[in-house]
Amino acid sequence: MTITITAFERSPDGGRGLARDMRVRWALEEVGRPYEVRLVSFKQMKEPDHLALHPFGQIPTYEEGDLALFETGAIVFHIARHNRGLLPEDDNARARAITWMFAALNTVEPPIVEREQSRYVVGDKPWYGELLPVLEDRVRVRLDQLASRLGDAQWLDGAFSAADLIMVLVLRRLEGSGLLEEYPNLSSYVARGEARPAYKRAFASQLAVANHDRGAEDAERQ
């Protein structure tokens, strides 16, 4: 059965692998499932056809036969449940991996996104310079805790799992902030994720969309 996911026609991240379809691409690459990508514009994301798939008008969505899903955590979990390689076979280890998936999305990601979005929402306010250190300290609280728990381990709990896939991409949102570099074990952790062949394939497929857009824009200028 053909798997189709949606992604930005023109991603705000410029192909840096930060858009959330990257999570689904990577998961599908890890389990060796072929998939098609339907690119949608910001306008199309608010139209009835897309809202029928994603009621909040975002990406990605996942379609397979008569199944349609939204929310990356749910999509990655579905992929991991129905394909070998992203969740442990042992029941307790599987439960721990699922717990870490929720932790990445519900505990680690929110302060990172809040810091990231603050620049766009209130970056022009005179008090932004006082707010940013507060937001960064909130991120550091989670990074301190995560770095302490990870220690010298390669992955969060034994072998690489869907939990690591999501956590690595959550941490990558700190790219360019200097915060991740304060934690050598977390920086190394992210680098291990980025070194995986499946990650590289997913990144390349997302980057190709951005490069195509830039090529089209250059052609229009000529």
N, C-alpha and C. Protein backbone atom coordinates (compact mmCIF):
# COMPACT_ATOMS: atom_id res chain seq x y z
N MET A 1 0.84 -1.18 0.00
CA MET A 1 0.00 0.00 0.00
C MET A 1 0.89 1.25 0.00
N THR A 2 0.58 2.20 -0.85
CA THR A 2 1.40 3.41 -0.97
C THR A 2 1.24 4.30 0.25
N ILE A 3 2.36 4.78 0.75
CA ILE A 3 2.36 5.75 1.85
C ILE A 3 2.61 7.13 1.25
N THR A 4 1.77 8.08 1.62
CA THR A 4 1.94 9.46 1.16
C THR A 4 1.99 10.38 2.37
N ILE A 5 3.00 11.22 2.41
CA ILE A 5 3.09 12.22 3.48
C ILE A 5 3.04 13.60 2.84
N THR A 6 2.69 14.59 3.64
CA THR A 6 2.71 15.97 3.15
C THR A 6 3.88 16.72 3.77
N ALA A 7 4.35 17.71 3.01
CA ALA A 7 5.46 18.55 3.46
C ALA A 7 5.29 19.94 2.88
N PHE A 8 6.04 20.90 3.41
CA PHE A 8 5.98 22.26 2.91
C PHE A 8 6.44 22.32 1.46
N GLU A 9 5.69 23.04 0.66
CA GLU A 9 6.14 23.34 -0.70
C GLU A 9 7.37 24.24 -0.64
N ARG A 10 7.33 25.20 0.28
CA ARG A 10 8.47 26.08 0.54
C ARG A 10 8.65 26.16 2.05
N SER A 11 9.61 25.41 2.54
CA SER A 11 9.77 25.29 3.99
C SER A 11 10.43 26.54 4.58
N PRO A 12 9.93 27.02 5.71
CA PRO A 12 10.54 28.18 6.37
C PRO A 12 11.99 27.92 6.79
N ASP A 13 12.37 26.66 6.96
CA ASP A 13 13.73 26.36 7.44
C ASP A 13 14.75 26.31 6.31
N GLY A 14 14.30 26.45 5.06
CA GLY A 14 15.24 26.47 3.94
C GLY A 14 15.96 25.16 3.72
N GLY A 15 15.37 24.06 4.16
CA GLY A 15 15.98 22.76 3.92
C GLY A 15 16.99 22.34 4.97
N ARG A 16 16.91 22.90 6.16
CA ARG A 16 17.86 22.57 7.24
C ARG A 16 17.44 21.32 8.01
N GLY A 17 16.36 20.69 7.61
CA GLY A 17 15.92 19.47 8.29
C GLY A 17 15.18 19.71 9.58
N LEU A 18 14.65 20.91 9.76
CA LEU A 18 13.93 21.23 11.00
C LEU A 18 12.43 21.11 10.87
N ALA A 19 11.90 21.16 9.65
CA ALA A 19 10.46 20.98 9.46
C ALA A 19 10.06 19.59 9.93
N ARG A 20 8.87 19.48 10.48
CA ARG A 20 8.49 18.25 11.17
C ARG A 20 8.25 17.05 10.27
N ASP A 21 8.12 17.26 8.96
CA ASP A 21 8.04 16.08 8.09
C ASP A 21 9.33 15.29 8.12
N MET A 22 10.44 15.94 8.56
CA MET A 22 11.72 15.24 8.68
C MET A 22 11.60 14.04 9.62
N ARG A 23 10.80 14.15 10.66
CA ARG A 23 10.64 13.06 11.61
C ARG A 23 10.01 11.84 10.93
N VAL A 24 9.03 12.11 10.09
CA VAL A 24 8.34 11.01 9.42
C VAL A 24 9.22 10.42 8.32
N ARG A 25 9.89 11.28 7.57
CA ARG A 25 10.81 10.80 6.53
C ARG A 25 11.88 9.88 7.16
N TRP A 26 12.47 10.33 8.26
CA TRP A 26 13.54 9.55 8.90
C TRP A 26 13.00 8.20 9.37
N ALA A 27 11.83 8.20 10.00
CA ALA A 27 11.25 6.95 10.49
C ALA A 27 11.02 5.97 9.34
N LEU A 28 10.47 6.47 8.25
CA LEU A 28 10.22 5.59 7.11
C LEU A 28 11.52 5.09 6.49
N GLU A 29 12.54 5.93 6.47
CA GLU A 29 13.84 5.50 5.95
C GLU A 29 14.46 4.43 6.86
N GLU A 30 14.30 4.57 8.16
CA GLU A 30 14.86 3.60 9.12
C GLU A 30 14.26 2.22 8.93
N VAL A 31 12.97 2.16 8.63
CA VAL A 31 12.31 0.86 8.50
C VAL A 31 12.24 0.38 7.05
N GLY A 32 12.79 1.17 6.14
CA GLY A 32 12.86 0.75 4.75
C GLY A 32 11.55 0.77 4.00
N ARG A 33 10.64 1.68 4.39
CA ARG A 33 9.35 1.77 3.70
C ARG A 33 9.40 2.90 2.66
N PRO A 34 9.11 2.61 1.40
CA PRO A 34 9.04 3.68 0.39
C PRO A 34 7.83 4.57 0.63
N TYR A 35 7.94 5.80 0.22
CA TYR A 35 6.84 6.74 0.44
C TYR A 35 6.87 7.82 -0.62
N GLU A 36 5.72 8.44 -0.80
CA GLU A 36 5.60 9.58 -1.70
C GLU A 36 5.36 10.83 -0.86
N VAL A 37 5.77 11.96 -1.41
CA VAL A 37 5.60 13.24 -0.71
C VAL A 37 4.75 14.17 -1.55
N ARG A 38 3.68 14.66 -0.95
CA ARG A 38 2.84 15.66 -1.62
C ARG A 38 3.14 17.02 -0.99
N LEU A 39 3.66 17.93 -1.79
CA LEU A 39 4.02 19.25 -1.29
C LEU A 39 2.80 20.15 -1.27
N VAL A 40 2.64 20.89 -0.20
CA VAL A 40 1.49 21.79 -0.06
C VAL A 40 1.98 23.19 0.28
N SER A 41 1.28 24.18 -0.25
CA SER A 41 1.59 25.57 0.04
C SER A 41 0.90 25.97 1.35
N PHE A 42 1.27 27.14 1.86
CA PHE A 42 0.62 27.62 3.08
C PHE A 42 -0.87 27.86 2.82
N LYS A 43 -1.20 28.28 1.63
CA LYS A 43 -2.60 28.48 1.27
C LYS A 43 -3.36 27.15 1.25
N GLN A 44 -2.76 26.14 0.65
CA GLN A 44 -3.41 24.83 0.56
C GLN A 44 -3.59 24.20 1.93
N MET A 45 -2.69 24.50 2.87
CA MET A 45 -2.78 23.93 4.21
C MET A 45 -4.06 24.38 4.94
N LYS A 46 -4.66 25.48 4.50
CA LYS A 46 -5.87 26.00 5.16
C LYS A 46 -7.13 25.69 4.36
N GLU A 47 -6.99 24.93 3.28
CA GLU A 47 -8.13 24.59 2.45
C GLU A 47 -8.79 23.29 2.93
N PRO A 48 -10.07 23.07 2.58
CA PRO A 48 -10.83 21.93 3.11
C PRO A 48 -10.16 20.57 2.89
N ASP A 49 -9.56 20.34 1.72
CA ASP A 49 -8.96 19.03 1.45
C ASP A 49 -7.86 18.70 2.46
N HIS A 50 -7.03 19.70 2.77
CA HIS A 50 -5.95 19.43 3.73
C HIS A 50 -6.48 19.41 5.16
N LEU A 51 -7.44 20.28 5.45
CA LEU A 51 -8.01 20.30 6.81
C LEU A 51 -8.73 19.00 7.14
N ALA A 52 -9.18 18.29 6.12
CA ALA A 52 -9.80 16.99 6.36
C ALA A 52 -8.76 15.98 6.86
N LEU A 53 -7.50 16.20 6.51
CA LEU A 53 -6.41 15.33 6.96
C LEU A 53 -5.80 15.85 8.25
N HIS A 54 -5.65 17.16 8.36
CA HIS A 54 -5.04 17.77 9.54
C HIS A 54 -5.92 18.93 9.98
N PRO A 55 -6.73 18.75 11.01
CA PRO A 55 -7.70 19.77 11.40
C PRO A 55 -7.09 21.09 11.83
N PHE A 56 -5.78 21.11 12.11
CA PHE A 56 -5.12 22.34 12.53
C PHE A 56 -4.33 23.00 11.39
N GLY A 57 -4.45 22.43 10.19
CA GLY A 57 -3.86 23.05 9.02
C GLY A 57 -2.35 23.10 9.04
N GLN A 58 -1.72 22.00 9.46
CA GLN A 58 -0.26 21.95 9.52
C GLN A 58 0.24 20.75 8.72
N ILE A 59 1.54 20.57 8.73
CA ILE A 59 2.16 19.38 8.14
C ILE A 59 3.02 18.74 9.22
N PRO A 60 3.32 17.44 9.10
CA PRO A 60 2.96 16.55 8.01
C PRO A 60 1.65 15.82 8.29
N THR A 61 1.14 15.19 7.24
CA THR A 61 0.09 14.19 7.39
C THR A 61 0.62 12.89 6.81
N TYR A 62 -0.07 11.80 7.13
CA TYR A 62 0.35 10.46 6.71
C TYR A 62 -0.89 9.74 6.19
N GLU A 63 -0.81 9.24 4.98
CA GLU A 63 -1.92 8.48 4.40
C GLU A 63 -1.43 7.12 3.92
N GLU A 64 -2.16 6.10 4.29
CA GLU A 64 -1.86 4.73 3.86
C GLU A 64 -3.18 3.98 3.75
N GLY A 65 -3.61 3.72 2.51
CA GLY A 65 -4.91 3.11 2.33
C GLY A 65 -6.00 4.02 2.84
N ASP A 66 -6.87 3.50 3.73
CA ASP A 66 -7.94 4.32 4.27
C ASP A 66 -7.57 4.96 5.61
N LEU A 67 -6.29 4.89 5.97
CA LEU A 67 -5.82 5.49 7.22
C LEU A 67 -5.19 6.85 6.94
N ALA A 68 -5.61 7.86 7.70
CA ALA A 68 -5.01 9.19 7.62
C ALA A 68 -4.65 9.63 9.04
N LEU A 69 -3.40 10.05 9.23
CA LEU A 69 -2.92 10.46 10.54
C LEU A 69 -2.32 11.86 10.47
N PHE A 70 -2.31 12.54 11.61
CA PHE A 70 -1.56 13.78 11.76
C PHE A 70 -0.89 13.74 13.13
N GLU A 71 0.01 14.71 13.38
CA GLU A 71 0.86 14.78 14.56
C GLU A 71 2.04 13.81 14.42
N THR A 72 3.24 14.37 14.43
CA THR A 72 4.42 13.54 14.17
C THR A 72 4.63 12.44 15.20
N GLY A 73 4.33 12.72 16.47
CA GLY A 73 4.50 11.68 17.47
C GLY A 73 3.63 10.48 17.17
N ALA A 74 2.37 10.74 16.81
CA ALA A 74 1.45 9.65 16.50
C ALA A 74 1.88 8.91 15.23
N ILE A 75 2.35 9.67 14.24
CA ILE A 75 2.76 9.04 12.98
C ILE A 75 3.98 8.16 13.19
N VAL A 76 4.98 8.70 13.87
CA VAL A 76 6.20 7.91 14.11
C VAL A 76 5.88 6.68 14.95
N PHE A 77 5.01 6.83 15.94
CA PHE A 77 4.62 5.69 16.76
C PHE A 77 3.93 4.63 15.92
N HIS A 78 3.05 5.05 15.02
CA HIS A 78 2.37 4.10 14.13
C HIS A 78 3.39 3.35 13.27
N ILE A 79 4.32 4.08 12.69
CA ILE A 79 5.35 3.45 11.86
C ILE A 79 6.16 2.46 12.69
N ALA A 80 6.54 2.86 13.89
CA ALA A 80 7.36 2.01 14.75
C ALA A 80 6.61 0.75 15.19
N ARG A 81 5.32 0.89 15.45
CA ARG A 81 4.51 -0.26 15.89
C ARG A 81 4.37 -1.31 14.80
N HIS A 82 4.30 -0.87 13.56
CA HIS A 82 3.96 -1.79 12.46
C HIS A 82 5.17 -2.19 11.61
N ASN A 83 6.36 -1.76 12.03
CA ASN A 83 7.57 -2.13 11.30
C ASN A 83 8.69 -2.38 12.31
N ARG A 84 9.50 -3.35 12.02
CA ARG A 84 10.60 -3.68 12.93
C ARG A 84 11.71 -2.65 12.82
N GLY A 85 12.36 -2.39 13.96
CA GLY A 85 13.56 -1.57 13.94
C GLY A 85 13.51 -0.28 14.74
N LEU A 86 12.32 0.17 15.13
CA LEU A 86 12.24 1.43 15.85
C LEU A 86 11.72 1.30 17.27
N LEU A 87 11.27 0.11 17.65
CA LEU A 87 10.87 -0.14 19.03
C LEU A 87 11.41 -1.50 19.46
N PRO A 88 11.87 -1.62 20.71
CA PRO A 88 12.39 -2.90 21.18
C PRO A 88 11.31 -3.98 21.21
N GLU A 89 11.74 -5.23 21.14
CA GLU A 89 10.81 -6.35 21.22
C GLU A 89 10.36 -6.58 22.66
N ASP A 90 11.27 -6.39 23.62
CA ASP A 90 10.94 -6.60 25.02
C ASP A 90 9.87 -5.59 25.47
N ASP A 91 8.84 -6.07 26.16
CA ASP A 91 7.72 -5.21 26.53
C ASP A 91 8.14 -4.02 27.40
N ASN A 92 8.99 -4.28 28.40
CA ASN A 92 9.40 -3.19 29.28
C ASN A 92 10.27 -2.17 28.55
N ALA A 93 11.18 -2.66 27.72
CA ALA A 93 12.03 -1.75 26.96
C ALA A 93 11.19 -0.94 25.97
N ARG A 94 10.20 -1.58 25.39
CA ARG A 94 9.30 -0.88 24.45
C ARG A 94 8.54 0.22 25.19
N ALA A 95 8.05 -0.08 26.37
CA ALA A 95 7.32 0.92 27.16
C ALA A 95 8.22 2.09 27.51
N ARG A 96 9.48 1.80 27.85
CA ARG A 96 10.40 2.90 28.17
C ARG A 96 10.67 3.76 26.94
N ALA A 97 10.83 3.14 25.78
CA ALA A 97 11.07 3.90 24.56
C ALA A 97 9.88 4.82 24.26
N ILE A 98 8.67 4.30 24.45
CA ILE A 98 7.47 5.12 24.21
C ILE A 98 7.42 6.28 25.20
N THR A 99 7.82 6.02 26.45
CA THR A 99 7.87 7.08 27.44
C THR A 99 8.82 8.19 27.00
N TRP A 100 9.98 7.81 26.47
CA TRP A 100 10.94 8.81 26.01
C TRP A 100 10.42 9.57 24.79
N MET A 101 9.62 8.95 23.96
CA MET A 101 9.00 9.67 22.85
C MET A 101 8.13 10.80 23.39
N PHE A 102 7.31 10.48 24.39
CA PHE A 102 6.45 11.50 24.99
C PHE A 102 7.29 12.57 25.68
N ALA A 103 8.37 12.16 26.33
CA ALA A 103 9.22 13.13 27.03
C ALA A 103 9.85 14.11 26.05
N ALA A 104 10.29 13.60 24.90
CA ALA A 104 10.90 14.48 23.90
C ALA A 104 9.91 15.54 23.44
N LEU A 105 8.68 15.13 23.18
CA LEU A 105 7.68 16.03 22.62
C LEU A 105 7.02 16.93 23.67
N ASN A 106 6.81 16.40 24.87
CA ASN A 106 6.02 17.12 25.87
C ASN A 106 6.84 17.84 26.93
N THR A 107 8.09 17.39 27.14
CA THR A 107 8.90 17.97 28.20
C THR A 107 10.10 18.73 27.67
N VAL A 108 10.81 18.16 26.70
CA VAL A 108 12.03 18.79 26.20
C VAL A 108 11.73 19.82 25.12
N GLU A 109 10.82 19.51 24.21
CA GLU A 109 10.59 20.41 23.08
C GLU A 109 9.93 21.74 23.43
N PRO A 110 8.91 21.80 24.32
CA PRO A 110 8.21 23.07 24.52
C PRO A 110 9.10 24.27 24.87
N PRO A 111 10.03 24.18 25.83
CA PRO A 111 10.85 25.37 26.09
C PRO A 111 11.78 25.71 24.93
N ILE A 112 12.18 24.71 24.14
CA ILE A 112 13.03 24.97 22.99
C ILE A 112 12.25 25.75 21.93
N VAL A 113 11.02 25.34 21.68
CA VAL A 113 10.19 26.02 20.69
C VAL A 113 9.81 27.42 21.19
N GLU A 114 9.53 27.55 22.49
CA GLU A 114 9.19 28.86 23.04
C GLU A 114 10.34 29.84 22.84
N ARG A 115 11.56 29.39 23.10
CA ARG A 115 12.72 30.26 22.88
C ARG A 115 12.86 30.62 21.41
N GLU A 116 12.69 29.62 20.56
CA GLU A 116 12.85 29.82 19.11
C GLU A 116 11.81 30.81 18.56
N GLN A 117 10.57 30.64 18.99
CA GLN A 117 9.49 31.47 18.45
C GLN A 117 9.48 32.88 19.04
N SER A 118 10.09 33.06 20.18
CA SER A 118 10.05 34.37 20.83
C SER A 118 10.64 35.46 19.95
N ARG A 119 11.65 35.11 19.18
CA ARG A 119 12.30 36.09 18.31
C ARG A 119 11.33 36.62 17.27
N TYR A 120 10.46 35.74 16.76
CA TYR A 120 9.51 36.15 15.73
C TYR A 120 8.31 36.88 16.32
N VAL A 121 7.96 36.52 17.55
CA VAL A 121 6.74 37.07 18.15
C VAL A 121 7.01 38.41 18.85
N VAL A 122 8.08 38.45 19.64
CA VAL A 122 8.35 39.68 20.43
C VAL A 122 9.79 40.16 20.28
N GLY A 123 10.47 39.70 19.25
CA GLY A 123 11.88 40.07 19.07
C GLY A 123 12.11 41.55 18.88
N ASP A 124 11.08 42.28 18.49
CA ASP A 124 11.23 43.72 18.25
C ASP A 124 10.88 44.56 19.48
N LYS A 125 10.52 43.90 20.58
CA LYS A 125 10.15 44.62 21.79
C LYS A 125 11.41 45.06 22.56
N PRO A 126 11.37 46.22 23.21
CA PRO A 126 12.55 46.71 23.92
C PRO A 126 12.99 45.82 25.08
N TRP A 127 12.07 45.02 25.60
CA TRP A 127 12.39 44.16 26.73
C TRP A 127 12.80 42.75 26.32
N TYR A 128 12.93 42.52 24.99
CA TYR A 128 13.28 41.17 24.52
C TYR A 128 14.66 40.74 25.05
N GLY A 129 15.58 41.67 25.17
CA GLY A 129 16.91 41.35 25.67
C GLY A 129 16.90 40.80 27.08
N GLU A 130 15.88 41.17 27.85
CA GLU A 130 15.75 40.64 29.21
C GLU A 130 15.01 39.30 29.21
N LEU A 131 14.12 39.13 28.25
CA LEU A 131 13.35 37.89 28.19
C LEU A 131 14.19 36.71 27.71
N LEU A 132 15.03 36.92 26.71
CA LEU A 132 15.76 35.81 26.09
C LEU A 132 16.58 35.01 27.10
N PRO A 133 17.36 35.63 28.00
CA PRO A 133 18.11 34.82 28.97
C PRO A 133 17.21 33.96 29.86
N VAL A 134 16.02 34.47 30.16
CA VAL A 134 15.07 33.69 30.98
C VAL A 134 14.64 32.45 30.21
N LEU A 135 14.31 32.63 28.93
CA LEU A 135 13.88 31.50 28.11
C LEU A 135 15.03 30.51 27.92
N GLU A 136 16.23 31.01 27.76
CA GLU A 136 17.37 30.11 27.57
C GLU A 136 17.67 29.33 28.84
N ASP A 137 17.47 29.95 29.99
CA ASP A 137 17.68 29.22 31.25
C ASP A 137 16.64 28.11 31.41
N ARG A 138 15.43 28.34 30.91
CA ARG A 138 14.41 27.28 30.95
C ARG A 138 14.83 26.10 30.07
N VAL A 139 15.43 26.39 28.94
CA VAL A 139 15.94 25.32 28.08
C VAL A 139 17.06 24.58 28.79
N ARG A 140 17.95 25.33 29.43
CA ARG A 140 19.09 24.70 30.12
C ARG A 140 18.64 23.75 31.22
N VAL A 141 17.56 24.07 31.89
CA VAL A 141 17.05 23.17 32.93
C VAL A 141 16.80 21.79 32.33
N ARG A 142 16.13 21.75 31.18
CA ARG A 142 15.84 20.46 30.54
C ARG A 142 17.10 19.81 29.99
N LEU A 143 18.00 20.61 29.43
CA LEU A 143 19.23 20.04 28.91
C LEU A 143 20.10 19.49 30.03
N ASP A 144 20.15 20.18 31.16
CA ASP A 144 20.88 19.66 32.32
C ASP A 144 20.36 18.28 32.71
N GLN A 145 19.04 18.19 32.80
CA GLN A 145 18.42 16.93 33.23
C GLN A 145 18.66 15.82 32.21
N LEU A 146 18.50 16.16 30.93
CA LEU A 146 18.69 15.16 29.88
C LEU A 146 20.14 14.72 29.80
N ALA A 147 21.06 15.66 29.87
CA ALA A 147 22.49 15.32 29.80
C ALA A 147 22.89 14.43 30.97
N SER A 148 22.34 14.72 32.15
CA SER A 148 22.64 13.91 33.33
C SER A 148 22.13 12.49 33.16
N ARG A 149 20.94 12.34 32.61
CA ARG A 149 20.37 11.01 32.43
C ARG A 149 21.09 10.24 31.33
N LEU A 150 21.44 10.90 30.23
CA LEU A 150 22.13 10.23 29.14
C LEU A 150 23.52 9.78 29.54
N GLY A 151 24.25 10.62 30.25
CA GLY A 151 25.60 10.28 30.68
C GLY A 151 26.48 9.91 29.50
N ASP A 152 27.15 8.75 29.60
CA ASP A 152 28.05 8.29 28.53
C ASP A 152 27.36 7.32 27.57
N ALA A 153 26.06 7.13 27.72
CA ALA A 153 25.35 6.18 26.87
C ALA A 153 25.29 6.67 25.42
N GLN A 154 25.18 5.72 24.52
CA GLN A 154 25.05 6.07 23.10
C GLN A 154 23.65 6.58 22.79
N TRP A 155 22.65 5.91 23.35
CA TRP A 155 21.25 6.24 23.09
C TRP A 155 20.49 6.31 24.40
N LEU A 156 19.24 6.70 24.37
CA LEU A 156 18.48 6.96 25.58
C LEU A 156 18.27 5.73 26.44
N ASP A 157 18.02 4.59 25.80
CA ASP A 157 17.75 3.38 26.57
C ASP A 157 18.13 2.16 25.74
N GLY A 158 19.39 1.79 25.79
CA GLY A 158 19.84 0.64 25.00
C GLY A 158 20.05 1.00 23.55
N ALA A 159 19.43 0.23 22.66
CA ALA A 159 19.62 0.44 21.22
C ALA A 159 18.85 1.66 20.73
N PHE A 160 19.25 2.16 19.58
CA PHE A 160 18.55 3.27 18.93
C PHE A 160 17.08 2.91 18.75
N SER A 161 16.21 3.89 18.99
CA SER A 161 14.77 3.66 18.85
C SER A 161 14.08 4.92 18.34
N ALA A 162 12.78 4.83 18.17
CA ALA A 162 11.98 5.98 17.76
C ALA A 162 12.13 7.13 18.74
N ALA A 163 12.39 6.82 20.00
CA ALA A 163 12.59 7.87 21.00
C ALA A 163 13.82 8.71 20.66
N ASP A 164 14.90 8.05 20.26
CA ASP A 164 16.11 8.78 19.88
C ASP A 164 15.87 9.60 18.62
N LEU A 165 15.15 9.03 17.69
CA LEU A 165 14.85 9.74 16.44
C LEU A 165 14.17 11.07 16.75
N ILE A 166 13.16 11.03 17.60
CA ILE A 166 12.44 12.26 17.91
C ILE A 166 13.29 13.19 18.76
N MET A 167 13.99 12.65 19.75
CA MET A 167 14.79 13.50 20.64
C MET A 167 15.90 14.21 19.87
N VAL A 168 16.57 13.51 18.97
CA VAL A 168 17.64 14.13 18.19
C VAL A 168 17.09 15.31 17.39
N LEU A 169 15.93 15.13 16.77
CA LEU A 169 15.37 16.21 15.96
C LEU A 169 14.85 17.36 16.82
N VAL A 170 14.38 17.06 18.01
CA VAL A 170 14.00 18.13 18.94
C VAL A 170 15.24 18.95 19.31
N LEU A 171 16.32 18.28 19.64
CA LEU A 171 17.55 18.99 20.03
C LEU A 171 18.15 19.77 18.88
N ARG A 172 17.95 19.29 17.66
CA ARG A 172 18.49 20.01 16.51
C ARG A 172 17.86 21.39 16.35
N ARG A 173 16.73 21.62 16.95
CA ARG A 173 16.11 22.94 16.87
C ARG A 173 16.96 23.99 17.57
N LEU A 174 17.93 23.58 18.34
CA LEU A 174 18.84 24.51 19.02
C LEU A 174 20.03 24.89 18.15
N GLU A 175 20.05 24.40 16.93
CA GLU A 175 21.16 24.67 16.01
C GLU A 175 21.39 26.18 15.89
N GLY A 176 22.64 26.59 16.09
CA GLY A 176 22.99 28.00 15.96
C GLY A 176 22.81 28.81 17.22
N SER A 177 22.21 28.22 18.26
CA SER A 177 21.97 28.97 19.50
C SER A 177 23.16 28.94 20.44
N GLY A 178 24.04 27.95 20.28
CA GLY A 178 25.16 27.77 21.19
C GLY A 178 24.82 27.00 22.45
N LEU A 179 23.53 26.76 22.67
CA LEU A 179 23.11 26.08 23.90
C LEU A 179 23.51 24.61 23.91
N LEU A 180 23.32 23.93 22.80
CA LEU A 180 23.62 22.50 22.78
C LEU A 180 25.11 22.25 22.99
N GLU A 181 25.93 23.15 22.51
CA GLU A 181 27.39 22.98 22.64
C GLU A 181 27.86 23.06 24.09
N GLU A 182 27.00 23.54 24.97
CA GLU A 182 27.34 23.56 26.40
C GLU A 182 27.32 22.16 27.01
N TYR A 183 26.77 21.20 26.25
CA TYR A 183 26.61 19.83 26.75
C TYR A 183 27.26 18.87 25.76
N PRO A 184 28.55 18.55 25.96
CA PRO A 184 29.26 17.71 24.98
C PRO A 184 28.59 16.37 24.72
N ASN A 185 28.01 15.76 25.76
CA ASN A 185 27.41 14.45 25.51
C ASN A 185 26.14 14.57 24.67
N LEU A 186 25.41 15.67 24.81
CA LEU A 186 24.22 15.87 23.98
C LEU A 186 24.61 16.23 22.54
N SER A 187 25.67 17.01 22.39
CA SER A 187 26.16 17.33 21.05
C SER A 187 26.59 16.07 20.32
N SER A 188 27.29 15.19 21.04
CA SER A 188 27.73 13.92 20.44
C SER A 188 26.53 13.02 20.12
N TYR A 189 25.55 13.05 20.99
CA TYR A 189 24.32 12.28 20.78
C TYR A 189 23.63 12.69 19.49
N VAL A 190 23.47 14.00 19.29
CA VAL A 190 22.85 14.49 18.07
C VAL A 190 23.69 14.11 16.85
N ALA A 191 25.01 14.23 16.97
CA ALA A 191 25.88 13.88 15.85
C ALA A 191 25.76 12.40 15.48
N ARG A 192 25.57 11.54 16.48
CA ARG A 192 25.38 10.11 16.18
C ARG A 192 24.10 9.89 15.38
N GLY A 193 23.06 10.62 15.76
CA GLY A 193 21.81 10.51 15.01
C GLY A 193 21.98 10.98 13.58
N GLU A 194 22.66 12.10 13.41
CA GLU A 194 22.86 12.66 12.07
C GLU A 194 23.76 11.78 11.20
N ALA A 195 24.55 10.92 11.83
CA ALA A 195 25.45 10.04 11.08
C ALA A 195 24.76 8.79 10.55
N ARG A 196 23.55 8.54 11.01
CA ARG A 196 22.85 7.33 10.56
C ARG A 196 22.47 7.46 9.08
N PRO A 197 22.68 6.40 8.30
CA PRO A 197 22.36 6.47 6.87
C PRO A 197 20.91 6.87 6.60
N ALA A 198 19.98 6.38 7.40
CA ALA A 198 18.57 6.72 7.19
C ALA A 198 18.33 8.21 7.42
N TYR A 199 19.00 8.79 8.41
CA TYR A 199 18.89 10.23 8.63
C TYR A 199 19.39 10.99 7.41
N LYS A 200 20.54 10.58 6.89
CA LYS A 200 21.13 11.28 5.74
C LYS A 200 20.21 11.22 4.53
N ARG A 201 19.56 10.08 4.31
CA ARG A 201 18.64 9.97 3.18
C ARG A 201 17.44 10.89 3.37
N ALA A 202 16.90 10.92 4.60
CA ALA A 202 15.75 11.77 4.87
C ALA A 202 16.11 13.24 4.72
N PHE A 203 17.27 13.61 5.23
CA PHE A 203 17.73 15.00 5.15
C PHE A 203 17.90 15.41 3.69
N ALA A 204 18.51 14.53 2.90
CA ALA A 204 18.75 14.83 1.50
C ALA A 204 17.44 15.01 0.74
N SER A 205 16.44 14.20 1.06
CA SER A 205 15.16 14.30 0.35
C SER A 205 14.46 15.60 0.70
N GLN A 206 14.57 16.04 1.95
CA GLN A 206 13.95 17.31 2.34
C GLN A 206 14.73 18.48 1.74
N LEU A 207 16.06 18.39 1.75
CA LEU A 207 16.89 19.46 1.20
C LEU A 207 16.66 19.63 -0.30
N ALA A 208 16.39 18.53 -0.98
CA ALA A 208 16.18 18.59 -2.43
C ALA A 208 15.01 19.48 -2.78
N VAL A 209 13.99 19.50 -1.93
CA VAL A 209 12.83 20.36 -2.18
C VAL A 209 13.25 21.83 -2.10
N ALA A 210 14.03 22.17 -1.08
CA ALA A 210 14.48 23.55 -0.92
C ALA A 210 15.39 23.96 -2.06
N ASN A 211 16.28 23.06 -2.48
CA ASN A 211 17.19 23.37 -3.58
C ASN A 211 16.43 23.58 -4.88
N HIS A 212 15.37 22.79 -5.07
CA HIS A 212 14.54 22.95 -6.27
C HIS A 212 13.87 24.32 -6.27
N ASP A 213 13.39 24.74 -5.09
CA ASP A 213 12.75 26.05 -4.99
C ASP A 213 13.74 27.16 -5.30
N ARG A 214 14.97 27.03 -4.76
CA ARG A 214 15.97 28.07 -5.01
C ARG A 214 16.33 28.10 -6.49
N GLY A 215 16.41 26.92 -7.12
CA GLY A 215 16.71 26.87 -8.54
C GLY A 215 15.63 27.53 -9.37
N ALA A 216 14.38 27.30 -8.98
CA ALA A 216 13.26 27.91 -9.69
C ALA A 216 13.27 29.43 -9.54
N GLU A 217 13.59 29.89 -8.34
CA GLU A 217 13.66 31.34 -8.09
C GLU A 217 14.78 31.97 -8.90
N ASP A 218 15.93 31.29 -8.97
CA ASP A 218 17.05 31.82 -9.75
C ASP A 218 16.69 31.90 -11.23
N ALA A 219 15.97 30.88 -11.71
CA ALA A 219 15.57 30.87 -13.12
C ALA A 219 14.61 32.03 -13.41
N GLU A 220 13.74 32.33 -12.46
CA GLU A 220 12.79 33.43 -12.66
C GLU A 220 13.49 34.78 -12.75
N ARG A 221 14.60 34.91 -12.01
CA ARG A 221 15.33 36.20 -12.00
C ARG A 221 16.10 36.41 -13.31
N GLN A 222 16.44 35.31 -14.00
CA GLN A 222 17.26 35.44 -15.21
C GLN A 222 16.44 35.89 -16.42
